[in-house]
Amino acid sequence: GALLDKDFLFQQRVWFLSRTPSIDGVTASGDNIFIEHNEGRIWRIKPRVNLAANKWWISDEIRYGWMFVHSERRLRTPMRMQYGAQTETNWQRAYEEVRERFAGIVAEKGLGSLAVLVSPMLPCEEAYLLGRLVRGLDGGAVLGVGPIPRVGEDKTFPGGYTVYAEKCPNSRGVRRALQLLGGEVLGFEEFIAKVGGKGSAIGGVLLTGNYPGAWTDGALAGALGRKFTVLIDTLPNGVSAKVDVLLPGATWAEKSGTFENAGGRLQSFERAIPVLEGPKPEGQVALDLMAVCGLWGPRSYDAAAVREQRGGAFTSEVHHPQAHEVREPDMQYVEL
């Protein structure tokens, strides 16, 4: 009887789900969704009605494509290259390594010797902070947007709902955020050519990933060569075992921010579940590095505060969801 009661209570706890409004984090549609979760784990994703965006539809890609959030392959510990091999380290030592090496590169090579590649999987606020970090260390730093995956072609259904071939949530928003820092924002292929070109002055590169699948290629690895490279990512990839500093990041469900969809609609979202033990949101990593490098004082990542700081469209044109709500169980349990 006691065992049955314990199992019954466990089932009840699982099916009393918190329901957090969010935005599709894997495609360019900007679908409004509910993330239903309990005790730090996502259990399902359901559509959130928004007649100006996705109406009452969502694609199967976001309905079933969130499992990477809980992947056993998630990166969890900072790593640094030592004597030709990556070894585990702590966040502070990793930050100091980045500060020392980036400062040395700029001192030796001058302006335009650093570069940052911001993933289109990241929200606008994190893109801005990462760009500001690198530009704070090197006023001529090269800014680029990571690869934009596409699968097939756009498909529009009766009623107007579209499944987009573009499989990232924020390529437009990342570019918009980086443009606030001034200068040219390069696409992925242009970035590779700039970093890996003959006679390139770039000696240090900050990369971000956060894709649900493979995203690196031989061209990127070749362009990096022996440059000092820092990677913030969530899953292992083709270059993660070779970079000088590897920092574990957070998925979109574990942080707040703003995405700009394929139609140019800016939509904010809030964190649904806590970050895994070990990783940090990329926005927090950027702020921590700015503090270590003496650019800003220590502070916590707050997406709303970053939007207020940037102003313009990021305060006047962003559409915000309603507060989260607790979902009543839709499955009945009967105690025997």
Foldseek 3Di string as FASTA:
>chain_A
DVVLVVVVVVVQQFQFWWWFWDFQLWFQQRFIWIFTGGPQDTDFIAGDADLVGQHRDDDVCRRPVPCLQVDPQWDFFKWFDDPRFIDGDHLVVLLVVCLVVLLVLCVVLNAQQEEEEAELSDFLLLLLLLLCLSCVSHVRYAAEYADWAFDDAWDADPVGRIDHRTTGHASPSSLVSNCLSPDDYYYHVVVLCQQQPPPRNHQEYEYEDQHSDERDDPSNVNSCPVGQYEYEYTGDYDCQRPHRMYAYAHGPLAAWHWHQHPVRAIEIGGHNGHGPNRHYHSSQSSQVSCCVNVNDPHDGDDHVVSLVVSDDCSPVRYHYDDGIDTDRRPDDDDRD
